[in-house]
Amino acid sequence: MKNAITRSFDDPVLQEMPVVPTDHLAAQIESDTEPIQQAISDALKKRWELQQNALDLSNRELTRKTARNALLPQLDLYGFYSGTGYGGTPTPGFPGTITAPPGFGGTIQNTLNNSSPEYQVGFNLQMPLRNRQAKADQYRTELEYRQSQVYAEQLKKNIVIEVRNARYAVEQGASRVAAAKQARDLAQRTLDIMQKEQKLGAGSNQQTLSSEHDLSVAESALVTAQTAYEKARIQLKQATGSVLEAYGISVTEAKSGVVEADKP
């Protein structure tokens, strides 16, 4: 257990620290009164496989839409506008007439007063003709999406069957524990009778030893039945996706590293 939860045994305090189990075999069989349909509904809400599959379906839906859009015509509209302003001192000896302002401020003003505008408007239309690669991508994404849908339905069916089998295993385990307890009690009473008969001289030592052996076998069978029952209960929690909730384990606390106070 220490090897599973630690990286090394260099700390001597850790080496000597005892491992105290927090779960024990139930002294009495706990009857499960939750309806089977409620257990199935909880499993369909909490199982991480279904949540993962839902994310996968969402991603494949986006991929399918992207591949479908690649087969559609594409129209791009664009526009351009700019203002130009000139200014400065003319070159000496220039025979013409200069109307541009000599200073920087006048140049900025001509740029912004729409005196020398430049604008452009246009569109770009792309028509996909016999785009075989895009069609192949679309067929592939459609097939992957349908396969993911089929897998989701199959996963739901498997979870329903798993929950039902786990529930039946719990009920069978409870019956086996009850039968093992009755066998143990019968073996105990038989041993008590054999011991009393031996004290009174009516029984033999061999009969008493045989009864003790039968009692040991019955107690071992009871422990085995209780262990199988506890395993079945854990498998039922695992099938319904409530293992962490049943043992008070929070994923949020594990991410933050801060354990909240116990709630009443």
C-alpha atoms as a PDB file:
ATOM      1  CA  MET A   1       0.000   0.000   0.000  1.00  0.00           C
ATOM      2  CA  LYS A   2       2.822   2.405   0.845  1.00  0.00           C
ATOM      3  CA  ASN A   3       4.567   1.514  -2.379  1.00  0.00           C
ATOM      4  CA  ALA A   4       1.399   2.391  -4.320  1.00  0.00           C
ATOM      5  CA  ILE A   5       0.896   5.846  -2.754  1.00  0.00           C
ATOM      6  CA  THR A   6       4.508   7.007  -2.332  1.00  0.00           C
ATOM      7  CA  ARG A   7       7.548   7.438  -4.559  1.00  0.00           C
ATOM      8  CA  SER A   8      10.253   6.268  -2.173  1.00  0.00           C
ATOM      9  CA  PHE A   9      10.814   4.955   1.360  1.00  0.00           C
ATOM     10  CA  ASP A  10      13.647   7.326   2.249  1.00  0.00           C
ATOM     11  CA  ASP A  11      11.674   8.891   5.081  1.00  0.00           C
ATOM     12  CA  PRO A  12      12.012   6.686   8.206  1.00  0.00           C
ATOM     13  CA  VAL A  13       8.782   8.136   9.617  1.00  0.00           C
ATOM     14  CA  LEU A  14       6.931   6.910   6.551  1.00  0.00           C
ATOM     15  CA  GLN A  15       8.496   3.471   6.863  1.00  0.00           C
ATOM     16  CA  GLU A  16       7.196   3.010  10.408  1.00  0.00           C
ATOM     17  CA  MET A  17       3.832   4.649   9.829  1.00  0.00           C
ATOM     18  CA  PRO A  18       1.001   2.103  10.043  1.00  0.00           C
ATOM     19  CA  VAL A  19      -1.600   1.775   7.323  1.00  0.00           C
ATOM     20  CA  VAL A  20      -5.043   1.883   8.928  1.00  0.00           C
ATOM     21  CA  PRO A  21      -7.878   0.736   6.638  1.00  0.00           C
ATOM     22  CA  THR A  22     -10.892   3.026   6.571  1.00  0.00           C
ATOM     23  CA  ASP A  23     -13.267   0.389   5.234  1.00  0.00           C
ATOM     24  CA  HIS A  24     -14.207  -2.929   6.787  1.00  0.00           C
ATOM     25  CA  LEU A  25     -16.422  -5.847   6.013  1.00  0.00           C
ATOM     26  CA  ALA A  26     -19.982  -4.992   6.816  1.00  0.00           C
ATOM     27  CA  ALA A  27     -21.211  -6.656   9.972  1.00  0.00           C
ATOM     28  CA  GLN A  28     -24.700  -6.756   8.523  1.00  0.00           C
ATOM     29  CA  ILE A  29     -25.871  -6.897   4.961  1.00  0.00           C
ATOM     30  CA  GLU A  30     -27.063  -3.503   3.812  1.00  0.00           C
ATOM     31  CA  SER A  31     -30.183  -3.828   1.728  1.00  0.00           C
ATOM     32  CA  ASP A  32     -30.092  -1.737  -1.447  1.00  0.00           C
ATOM     33  CA  THR A  33     -33.497  -0.125  -1.819  1.00  0.00           C
ATOM     34  CA  GLU A  34     -32.558   2.111  -4.757  1.00  0.00           C
ATOM     35  CA  PRO A  35     -34.583   1.193  -7.865  1.00  0.00           C
ATOM     36  CA  ILE A  36     -32.576  -0.301 -10.680  1.00  0.00           C
ATOM     37  CA  GLN A  37     -33.769   2.366 -13.113  1.00  0.00           C
ATOM     38  CA  GLN A  38     -32.474   5.078 -10.772  1.00  0.00           C
ATOM     39  CA  ALA A  39     -29.100   3.351 -10.622  1.00  0.00           C
ATOM     40  CA  ILE A  40     -28.996   3.166 -14.416  1.00  0.00           C
ATOM     41  CA  SER A  41     -29.932   6.840 -14.698  1.00  0.00           C
ATOM     42  CA  ASP A  42     -27.154   7.798 -12.278  1.00  0.00           C
ATOM     43  CA  ALA A  43     -24.665   5.719 -14.246  1.00  0.00           C
ATOM     44  CA  LEU A  44     -25.614   7.412 -17.516  1.00  0.00           C
ATOM     45  CA  LYS A  45     -25.003  10.801 -15.874  1.00  0.00           C
ATOM     46  CA  LYS A  46     -21.797  10.067 -13.962  1.00  0.00           C
ATOM     47  CA  ARG A  47     -19.813   7.613 -16.057  1.00  0.00           C
ATOM     48  CA  TRP A  48     -16.750   9.326 -17.472  1.00  0.00           C
ATOM     49  CA  GLU A  49     -16.852   7.239 -20.647  1.00  0.00           C
ATOM     50  CA  LEU A  50     -20.115   8.892 -21.697  1.00  0.00           C
ATOM     51  CA  GLN A  51     -18.774  12.355 -20.908  1.00  0.00           C
ATOM     52  CA  GLN A  52     -15.671  11.639 -22.958  1.00  0.00           C
ATOM     53  CA  ASN A  53     -17.788  10.325 -25.813  1.00  0.00           C
ATOM     54  CA  ALA A  54     -19.974  13.454 -25.690  1.00  0.00           C
ATOM     55  CA  LEU A  55     -16.876  15.636 -26.127  1.00  0.00           C
ATOM     56  CA  ASP A  56     -15.724  13.427 -28.990  1.00  0.00           C
ATOM     57  CA  LEU A  57     -19.120  13.768 -30.691  1.00  0.00           C
ATOM     58  CA  SER A  58     -18.969  17.553 -30.318  1.00  0.00           C
ATOM     59  CA  ASN A  59     -15.499  17.678 -31.880  1.00  0.00           C
ATOM     60  CA  ARG A  60     -16.548  15.420 -34.748  1.00  0.00           C
ATOM     61  CA  GLU A  61     -19.621  17.576 -35.342  1.00  0.00           C
ATOM     62  CA  LEU A  62     -17.384  20.635 -35.774  1.00  0.00           C
ATOM     63  CA  THR A  63     -15.104  18.680 -38.108  1.00  0.00           C
ATOM     64  CA  ARG A  64     -18.102  17.536 -40.130  1.00  0.00           C
ATOM     65  CA  LYS A  65     -19.405  21.093 -40.516  1.00  0.00           C
ATOM     66  CA  THR A  66     -15.963  22.299 -41.559  1.00  0.00           C
ATOM     67  CA  ALA A  67     -15.686  19.608 -44.236  1.00  0.00           C
ATOM     68  CA  ARG A  68     -19.218  20.402 -45.461  1.00  0.00           C
ATOM     69  CA  ASN A  69     -18.456  24.123 -45.691  1.00  0.00           C
ATOM     70  CA  ALA A  70     -15.440  23.341 -47.893  1.00  0.00           C
ATOM     71  CA  LEU A  71     -17.877  22.233 -50.626  1.00  0.00           C
ATOM     72  CA  LEU A  72     -19.845  25.497 -50.585  1.00  0.00           C
ATOM     73  CA  PRO A  73     -19.104  28.542 -52.774  1.00  0.00           C
ATOM     74  CA  GLN A  74     -17.013  31.201 -51.093  1.00  0.00           C
ATOM     75  CA  LEU A  75     -17.667  34.916 -51.607  1.00  0.00           C
ATOM     76  CA  ASP A  76     -15.242  37.480 -50.217  1.00  0.00           C
ATOM     77  CA  LEU A  77     -16.065  41.194 -50.223  1.00  0.00           C
ATOM     78  CA  TYR A  78     -13.370  43.752 -49.667  1.00  0.00           C
ATOM     79  CA  GLY A  79     -13.091  47.540 -49.612  1.00  0.00           C
ATOM     80  CA  PHE A  80     -10.215  49.995 -49.485  1.00  0.00           C
ATOM     81  CA  TYR A  81     -10.086  53.744 -48.875  1.00  0.00           C
ATOM     82  CA  SER A  82      -7.204  56.123 -48.232  1.00  0.00           C
ATOM     83  CA  GLY A  83      -6.452  59.829 -48.357  1.00  0.00           C
ATOM     84  CA  THR A  84      -3.311  61.354 -49.827  1.00  0.00           C
ATOM     85  CA  GLY A  85      -1.792  64.716 -49.005  1.00  0.00           C
ATOM     86  CA  TYR A  86       1.227  66.446 -50.594  1.00  0.00           C
ATOM     87  CA  GLY A  87       3.174  69.397 -49.325  1.00  0.00           C
ATOM     88  CA  GLY A  88       6.590  70.997 -49.165  1.00  0.00           C
ATOM     89  CA  THR A  89       8.792  73.679 -50.631  1.00  0.00           C
ATOM     90  CA  PRO A  90       9.218  73.521 -54.437  1.00  0.00           C
ATOM     91  CA  THR A  91      12.629  73.024 -56.026  1.00  0.00           C
ATOM     92  CA  PRO A  92      14.274  76.317 -57.120  1.00  0.00           C
ATOM     93  CA  GLY A  93      13.849  76.902 -60.825  1.00  0.00           C
ATOM     94  CA  PHE A  94      10.597  74.900 -61.096  1.00  0.00           C
ATOM     95  CA  PRO A  95       8.645  76.668 -63.870  1.00  0.00           C
ATOM     96  CA  GLY A  96       5.208  75.476 -62.838  1.00  0.00           C
ATOM     97  CA  THR A  97       2.807  76.598 -60.155  1.00  0.00           C
ATOM     98  CA  ILE A  98       2.729  74.686 -56.854  1.00  0.00           C
ATOM     99  CA  THR A  99      -0.605  74.555 -55.015  1.00  0.00           C
ATOM    100  CA  ALA A 100       0.558  72.210 -52.271  1.00  0.00           C
ATOM    101  CA  PRO A 101       0.925  73.726 -48.797  1.00  0.00           C
ATOM    102  CA  PRO A 102       4.516  74.383 -47.775  1.00  0.00           C
ATOM    103  CA  GLY A 103       4.162  73.129 -44.190  1.00  0.00           C
ATOM    104  CA  PHE A 104       3.537  69.784 -42.505  1.00  0.00           C
ATOM    105  CA  GLY A 105       0.219  70.881 -41.047  1.00  0.00           C
ATOM    106  CA  GLY A 106      -1.231  71.657 -44.464  1.00  0.00           C
ATOM    107  CA  THR A 107      -0.131  68.250 -45.705  1.00  0.00           C
ATOM    108  CA  ILE A 108      -2.023  66.535 -42.889  1.00  0.00           C
ATOM    109  CA  GLN A 109      -5.078  68.647 -43.630  1.00  0.00           C
ATOM    110  CA  ASN A 110      -5.074  67.638 -47.323  1.00  0.00           C
ATOM    111  CA  THR A 111      -4.770  64.022 -46.257  1.00  0.00           C
ATOM    112  CA  LEU A 112      -7.919  64.190 -44.125  1.00  0.00           C
ATOM    113  CA  ASN A 113     -10.149  66.568 -46.153  1.00  0.00           C
ATOM    114  CA  ASN A 114     -10.841  64.075 -48.958  1.00  0.00           C
ATOM    115  CA  SER A 115      -9.145  66.243 -51.532  1.00  0.00           C
ATOM    116  CA  SER A 116      -7.112  63.344 -52.999  1.00  0.00           C
ATOM    117  CA  PRO A 117      -9.006  60.148 -52.126  1.00  0.00           C
ATOM    118  CA  GLU A 118      -8.204  56.629 -53.234  1.00  0.00           C
ATOM    119  CA  TYR A 119     -10.774  53.888 -52.813  1.00  0.00           C
ATOM    120  CA  GLN A 120     -11.449  50.418 -54.122  1.00  0.00           C
ATOM    121  CA  VAL A 121     -14.367  47.983 -53.786  1.00  0.00           C
ATOM    122  CA  GLY A 122     -14.516  44.445 -55.096  1.00  0.00           C
ATOM    123  CA  PHE A 123     -15.440  40.849 -54.455  1.00  0.00           C
ATOM    124  CA  ASN A 124     -13.875  37.442 -54.948  1.00  0.00           C
ATOM    125  CA  LEU A 125     -16.085  34.460 -55.744  1.00  0.00           C
ATOM    126  CA  GLN A 126     -14.762  30.904 -55.603  1.00  0.00           C
ATOM    127  CA  MET A 127     -16.886  28.081 -57.024  1.00  0.00           C
ATOM    128  CA  PRO A 128     -15.709  24.549 -56.148  1.00  0.00           C
ATOM    129  CA  LEU A 129     -16.108  22.338 -59.218  1.00  0.00           C
ATOM    130  CA  ARG A 130     -15.463  18.609 -58.860  1.00  0.00           C
ATOM    131  CA  ASN A 131     -13.544  19.100 -55.632  1.00  0.00           C
ATOM    132  CA  ARG A 132     -12.921  15.428 -55.060  1.00  0.00           C
ATOM    133  CA  GLN A 133     -10.588  15.913 -52.135  1.00  0.00           C
ATOM    134  CA  ALA A 134     -13.171  17.997 -50.251  1.00  0.00           C
ATOM    135  CA  LYS A 135     -15.863  15.412 -51.012  1.00  0.00           C
ATOM    136  CA  ALA A 136     -13.621  12.628 -49.756  1.00  0.00           C
ATOM    137  CA  ASP A 137     -12.987  14.574 -46.558  1.00  0.00           C
ATOM    138  CA  GLN A 138     -16.725  15.090 -46.129  1.00  0.00           C
ATOM    139  CA  TYR A 139     -17.491  11.382 -46.592  1.00  0.00           C
ATOM    140  CA  ARG A 140     -14.753  10.482 -44.125  1.00  0.00           C
ATOM    141  CA  THR A 141     -15.992  12.916 -41.464  1.00  0.00           C
ATOM    142  CA  GLU A 142     -19.592  11.738 -41.930  1.00  0.00           C
ATOM    143  CA  LEU A 143     -18.511   8.126 -41.515  1.00  0.00           C
ATOM    144  CA  GLU A 144     -16.462   8.915 -38.396  1.00  0.00           C
ATOM    145  CA  TYR A 145     -19.374  10.861 -36.910  1.00  0.00           C
ATOM    146  CA  ARG A 146     -21.818   7.996 -37.533  1.00  0.00           C
ATOM    147  CA  GLN A 147     -19.365   5.518 -36.062  1.00  0.00           C
ATOM    148  CA  SER A 148     -19.025   7.686 -32.972  1.00  0.00           C
ATOM    149  CA  GLN A 149     -22.817   7.800 -32.632  1.00  0.00           C
ATOM    150  CA  VAL A 150     -23.026   4.007 -32.914  1.00  0.00           C
ATOM    151  CA  TYR A 151     -20.267   3.667 -30.325  1.00  0.00           C
ATOM    152  CA  ALA A 152     -22.159   6.006 -27.974  1.00  0.00           C
ATOM    153  CA  GLU A 153     -25.299   3.869 -28.201  1.00  0.00           C
ATOM    154  CA  GLN A 154     -23.290   0.695 -27.721  1.00  0.00           C
ATOM    155  CA  LEU A 155     -21.560   2.247 -24.724  1.00  0.00           C
ATOM    156  CA  LYS A 156     -24.917   3.109 -23.153  1.00  0.00           C
ATOM    157  CA  LYS A 157     -26.139  -0.440 -23.650  1.00  0.00           C
ATOM    158  CA  ASN A 158     -22.978  -1.855 -22.110  1.00  0.00           C
ATOM    159  CA  ILE A 159     -23.313   0.440 -19.090  1.00  0.00           C
ATOM    160  CA  VAL A 160     -26.953  -0.597 -18.582  1.00  0.00           C
ATOM    161  CA  ILE A 161     -25.985  -4.277 -18.740  1.00  0.00           C
ATOM    162  CA  GLU A 162     -23.027  -3.667 -16.423  1.00  0.00           C
ATOM    163  CA  VAL A 163     -25.216  -1.935 -13.835  1.00  0.00           C
ATOM    164  CA  ARG A 164     -27.809  -4.702 -13.957  1.00  0.00           C
ATOM    165  CA  ASN A 165     -25.164  -7.422 -13.628  1.00  0.00           C
ATOM    166  CA  ALA A 166     -23.528  -5.580 -10.731  1.00  0.00           C
ATOM    167  CA  ARG A 167     -26.897  -5.212  -9.011  1.00  0.00           C
ATOM    168  CA  TYR A 168     -27.606  -8.927  -9.452  1.00  0.00           C
ATOM    169  CA  ALA A 169     -24.138  -9.736  -8.107  1.00  0.00           C
ATOM    170  CA  VAL A 170     -24.852  -7.684  -4.980  1.00  0.00           C
ATOM    171  CA  GLU A 171     -28.157  -9.465  -4.419  1.00  0.00           C
ATOM    172  CA  GLN A 172     -26.553 -12.871  -4.963  1.00  0.00           C
ATOM    173  CA  GLY A 173     -23.684 -11.921  -2.652  1.00  0.00           C
ATOM    174  CA  ALA A 174     -26.130 -10.925   0.060  1.00  0.00           C
ATOM    175  CA  SER A 175     -27.918 -14.265  -0.279  1.00  0.00           C
ATOM    176  CA  ARG A 176     -24.621 -16.140  -0.087  1.00  0.00           C
ATOM    177  CA  VAL A 177     -23.600 -14.252   3.040  1.00  0.00           C
ATOM    178  CA  ALA A 178     -26.941 -15.023   4.659  1.00  0.00           C
ATOM    179  CA  ALA A 179     -26.605 -18.698   3.781  1.00  0.00           C
ATOM    180  CA  ALA A 180     -22.989 -18.764   5.017  1.00  0.00           C
ATOM    181  CA  LYS A 181     -24.061 -17.187   8.324  1.00  0.00           C
ATOM    182  CA  GLN A 182     -26.730 -19.839   8.819  1.00  0.00           C
ATOM    183  CA  ALA A 183     -24.202 -22.563   8.035  1.00  0.00           C
ATOM    184  CA  ARG A 184     -21.747 -21.028  10.501  1.00  0.00           C
ATOM    185  CA  ASP A 185     -24.411 -20.786  13.200  1.00  0.00           C
ATOM    186  CA  LEU A 186     -25.435 -24.394  12.588  1.00  0.00           C
ATOM    187  CA  ALA A 187     -21.803 -25.510  12.819  1.00  0.00           C
ATOM    188  CA  GLN A 188     -21.389 -23.541  16.042  1.00  0.00           C
ATOM    189  CA  ARG A 189     -24.461 -25.140  17.607  1.00  0.00           C
ATOM    190  CA  THR A 190     -23.306 -28.572  16.456  1.00  0.00           C
ATOM    191  CA  LEU A 191     -19.920 -27.988  18.089  1.00  0.00           C
ATOM    192  CA  ASP A 192     -21.557 -26.857  21.318  1.00  0.00           C
ATOM    193  CA  ILE A 193     -23.671 -30.027  21.366  1.00  0.00           C
ATOM    194  CA  MET A 194     -20.644 -32.246  20.674  1.00  0.00           C
ATOM    195  CA  GLN A 195     -18.660 -30.556  23.447  1.00  0.00           C
ATOM    196  CA  LYS A 196     -21.512 -31.055  25.936  1.00  0.00           C
ATOM    197  CA  GLU A 197     -21.909 -34.689  24.890  1.00  0.00           C
ATOM    198  CA  GLN A 198     -18.177 -35.258  25.313  1.00  0.00           C
ATOM    199  CA  LYS A 199     -18.268 -33.776  28.788  1.00  0.00           C
ATOM    200  CA  LEU A 200     -21.165 -36.077  29.674  1.00  0.00           C
ATOM    201  CA  GLY A 201     -19.366 -39.062  28.203  1.00  0.00           C
ATOM    202  CA  ALA A 202     -21.844 -39.604  25.370  1.00  0.00           C
ATOM    203  CA  GLY A 203     -19.595 -38.251  22.625  1.00  0.00           C
ATOM    204  CA  SER A 204     -16.113 -38.936  21.362  1.00  0.00           C
ATOM    205  CA  ASN A 205     -13.123 -36.699  20.869  1.00  0.00           C
ATOM    206  CA  GLN A 206     -13.180 -37.436  17.160  1.00  0.00           C
ATOM    207  CA  GLN A 207     -16.702 -36.083  16.805  1.00  0.00           C
ATOM    208  CA  THR A 208     -15.712 -32.880  18.619  1.00  0.00           C
ATOM    209  CA  LEU A 209     -12.664 -32.376  16.410  1.00  0.00           C
ATOM    210  CA  SER A 210     -14.789 -32.986  13.316  1.00  0.00           C
ATOM    211  CA  SER A 211     -17.281 -30.370  14.500  1.00  0.00           C
ATOM    212  CA  GLU A 212     -14.467 -27.890  15.106  1.00  0.00           C
ATOM    213  CA  HIS A 213     -13.197 -28.537  11.589  1.00  0.00           C
ATOM    214  CA  ASP A 214     -16.688 -27.997  10.172  1.00  0.00           C
ATOM    215  CA  LEU A 215     -16.960 -24.736  12.110  1.00  0.00           C
ATOM    216  CA  SER A 216     -13.616 -23.511  10.743  1.00  0.00           C
ATOM    217  CA  VAL A 217     -14.709 -24.360   7.203  1.00  0.00           C
ATOM    218  CA  ALA A 218     -18.031 -22.547   7.739  1.00  0.00           C
ATOM    219  CA  GLU A 219     -16.295 -19.452   9.131  1.00  0.00           C
ATOM    220  CA  SER A 220     -13.877 -19.447   6.192  1.00  0.00           C
ATOM    221  CA  ALA A 221     -16.801 -19.726   3.777  1.00  0.00           C
ATOM    222  CA  LEU A 222     -18.525 -16.825   5.564  1.00  0.00           C
ATOM    223  CA  VAL A 223     -15.446 -14.621   5.209  1.00  0.00           C
ATOM    224  CA  THR A 224     -15.191 -15.558   1.550  1.00  0.00           C
ATOM    225  CA  ALA A 225     -18.864 -14.727   0.987  1.00  0.00           C
ATOM    226  CA  GLN A 226     -18.508 -11.383   2.806  1.00  0.00           C
ATOM    227  CA  THR A 227     -15.441 -10.525   0.737  1.00  0.00           C
ATOM    228  CA  ALA A 228     -17.259 -11.358  -2.493  1.00  0.00           C
ATOM    229  CA  TYR A 229     -20.211  -9.277  -1.325  1.00  0.00           C
ATOM    230  CA  GLU A 230     -18.009  -6.250  -0.593  1.00  0.00           C
ATOM    231  CA  LYS A 231     -16.368  -6.611  -3.991  1.00  0.00           C
ATOM    232  CA  ALA A 232     -19.792  -6.719  -5.615  1.00  0.00           C
ATOM    233  CA  ARG A 233     -20.796  -3.531  -3.780  1.00  0.00           C
ATOM    234  CA  ILE A 234     -17.642  -1.777  -5.010  1.00  0.00           C
ATOM    235  CA  GLN A 235     -18.298  -2.993  -8.551  1.00  0.00           C
ATOM    236  CA  LEU A 236     -21.826  -1.608  -8.332  1.00  0.00           C
ATOM    237  CA  LYS A 237     -20.469   1.785  -7.238  1.00  0.00           C
ATOM    238  CA  GLN A 238     -17.964   1.628 -10.071  1.00  0.00           C
ATOM    239  CA  ALA A 239     -20.698   0.738 -12.567  1.00  0.00           C
ATOM    240  CA  THR A 240     -22.840   3.675 -11.434  1.00  0.00           C
ATOM    241  CA  GLY A 241     -19.860   6.049 -11.336  1.00  0.00           C
ATOM    242  CA  SER A 242     -20.260   6.860  -7.623  1.00  0.00           C
ATOM    243  CA  VAL A 243     -17.013   5.470  -6.168  1.00  0.00           C
ATOM    244  CA  LEU A 244     -15.446   8.866  -5.473  1.00  0.00           C
ATOM    245  CA  GLU A 245     -18.690  10.253  -4.090  1.00  0.00           C
ATOM    246  CA  ALA A 246     -19.223   7.231  -1.830  1.00  0.00           C
ATOM    247  CA  TYR A 247     -15.766   7.598  -0.265  1.00  0.00           C
ATOM    248  CA  GLY A 248     -15.816  11.398  -0.045  1.00  0.00           C
ATOM    249  CA  ILE A 249     -13.142  12.002  -2.687  1.00  0.00           C
ATOM    250  CA  SER A 250     -13.395  15.318  -4.512  1.00  0.00           C
ATOM    251  CA  VAL A 251     -11.622  15.920  -7.816  1.00  0.00           C
ATOM    252  CA  THR A 252     -11.787  19.673  -7.188  1.00  0.00           C
ATOM    253  CA  GLU A 253      -9.947  19.268  -3.892  1.00  0.00           C
ATOM    254  CA  ALA A 254      -7.365  17.054  -5.588  1.00  0.00           C
ATOM    255  CA  LYS A 255      -6.720  19.731  -8.223  1.00  0.00           C
ATOM    256  CA  SER A 256      -6.480  22.588  -5.728  1.00  0.00           C
ATOM    257  CA  GLY A 257      -4.574  20.617  -3.089  1.00  0.00           C
ATOM    258  CA  VAL A 258      -6.859  21.985  -0.353  1.00  0.00           C
ATOM    259  CA  VAL A 259      -9.192  19.695   1.577  1.00  0.00           C
ATOM    260  CA  GLU A 260     -12.370  21.348   2.746  1.00  0.00           C
ATOM    261  CA  ALA A 261     -13.788  20.800   6.201  1.00  0.00           C
ATOM    262  CA  ASP A 262     -16.056  17.812   6.657  1.00  0.00           C
ATOM    263  CA  LYS A 263     -19.680  18.676   6.146  1.00  0.00           C
ATOM    264  CA  PRO A 264     -22.238  17.432   8.639  1.00  0.00           C
END
